[in-house]
Amino acid sequence: MEAAAVFLAVRPRSVSETRRRLRHLGYPHVLVDQVIGRLTEIGILDDDAFARAWGESPAAGTLQCVEKGPPAAWGSGPPDEGV
């Protein structure tokens, strides 16, 4: 559980992200499932809260530009030369 606490201290994480990290560190599936269950039970891991926080973060806007391209207001062509 200590490895999960250290991982979660950096920033909020999703359940799947935390599960992947603990498995990557070599913890057995059974232990990972127990730790994830306990952290979810006490509210430290909450995918709904994680999604809300992510949607409100400045990084979410950056991700949207990467996935969907820049907003239409920016125009669609290359920038004018000499600007």
Protein backbone atom coordinates (compact mmCIF):
# COMPACT_ATOMS: atom_id res chain seq x y z
CA MET A 1 0.00 0.00 0.00
CA GLU A 2 2.99 2.28 0.57
CA ALA A 3 3.99 2.12 -3.12
CA ALA A 4 0.47 3.18 -4.07
CA ALA A 5 0.57 6.06 -1.58
CA VAL A 6 3.85 7.34 -3.01
CA PHE A 7 2.48 7.08 -6.57
CA LEU A 8 -0.75 8.88 -5.62
CA ALA A 9 1.07 11.64 -3.73
CA VAL A 10 2.35 13.16 -6.99
CA ARG A 11 -1.09 13.84 -8.52
CA PRO A 12 -4.53 12.26 -8.71
CA ARG A 13 -4.56 8.98 -10.63
CA SER A 14 -7.18 6.73 -12.15
CA VAL A 15 -7.81 3.22 -10.90
CA SER A 16 -6.40 1.69 -14.08
CA GLU A 17 -3.30 3.90 -13.99
CA THR A 18 -2.63 2.92 -10.38
CA ARG A 19 -3.26 -0.76 -11.13
CA ARG A 20 -0.79 -0.66 -14.07
CA ARG A 21 1.85 1.02 -11.94
CA LEU A 22 1.59 -1.49 -9.12
CA ARG A 23 1.70 -4.41 -11.57
CA HIS A 24 4.72 -2.81 -13.26
CA LEU A 25 6.44 -2.71 -9.87
CA GLY A 26 5.90 -6.46 -9.63
CA TYR A 27 3.15 -6.72 -7.04
CA PRO A 28 0.95 -9.84 -7.39
CA HIS A 29 -2.52 -9.42 -8.92
CA VAL A 30 -4.23 -10.47 -5.69
CA LEU A 31 -2.41 -7.84 -3.63
CA VAL A 32 -2.98 -5.15 -6.26
CA ASP A 33 -6.71 -5.94 -6.30
CA GLN A 34 -6.86 -5.72 -2.49
CA VAL A 35 -5.01 -2.40 -2.40
CA ILE A 36 -7.12 -0.92 -5.21
CA GLY A 37 -10.27 -2.09 -3.44
CA ARG A 38 -9.22 -0.55 -0.14
CA LEU A 39 -8.11 2.76 -1.70
CA THR A 40 -11.42 2.96 -3.57
CA GLU A 41 -13.36 2.09 -0.43
CA ILE A 42 -11.77 4.92 1.58
CA GLY A 43 -12.10 7.40 -1.29
CA ILE A 44 -8.45 7.86 -2.21
CA LEU A 45 -9.05 6.34 -5.64
CA ASP A 46 -12.19 7.67 -7.32
CA ASP A 47 -12.42 7.55 -11.11
CA ASP A 48 -15.37 9.98 -11.19
CA ALA A 49 -13.48 12.57 -9.13
CA PHE A 50 -10.36 11.95 -11.22
CA ALA A 51 -12.30 12.58 -14.45
CA ARG A 52 -13.83 15.79 -13.09
CA ALA A 53 -10.43 17.07 -11.92
CA TRP A 54 -8.84 16.18 -15.25
CA GLY A 55 -11.62 17.94 -17.18
CA GLU A 56 -11.07 21.11 -15.17
CA SER A 57 -7.28 21.11 -15.47
CA PRO A 58 -5.32 23.25 -17.96
CA ALA A 59 -3.86 20.02 -19.37
CA ALA A 60 -7.32 18.99 -20.56
CA GLY A 61 -7.37 21.92 -23.00
CA THR A 62 -3.95 20.96 -24.31
CA LEU A 63 -5.08 17.38 -24.81
CA GLN A 64 -8.16 18.56 -26.68
CA CYS A 65 -5.99 20.53 -29.12
CA VAL A 66 -3.79 17.51 -29.70
CA GLU A 67 -6.74 15.18 -30.26
CA LYS A 68 -9.10 17.48 -32.18
CA GLY A 69 -6.83 20.16 -33.56
CA PRO A 70 -6.90 23.87 -32.75
CA PRO A 71 -10.18 25.73 -32.26
CA ALA A 72 -11.88 26.92 -35.47
CA ALA A 73 -11.28 30.55 -34.46
CA TRP A 74 -7.58 30.01 -35.04
CA GLY A 75 -8.17 29.47 -38.74
CA SER A 76 -7.34 26.47 -40.85
CA GLY A 77 -4.43 27.55 -42.99
CA PRO A 78 -0.76 28.06 -42.29
CA PRO A 79 0.26 31.30 -40.58
CA ASP A 80 0.91 34.28 -42.83
CA GLU A 81 4.54 34.77 -43.71
CA GLY A 82 6.14 37.86 -42.27
CA VAL A 83 3.88 37.96 -39.26
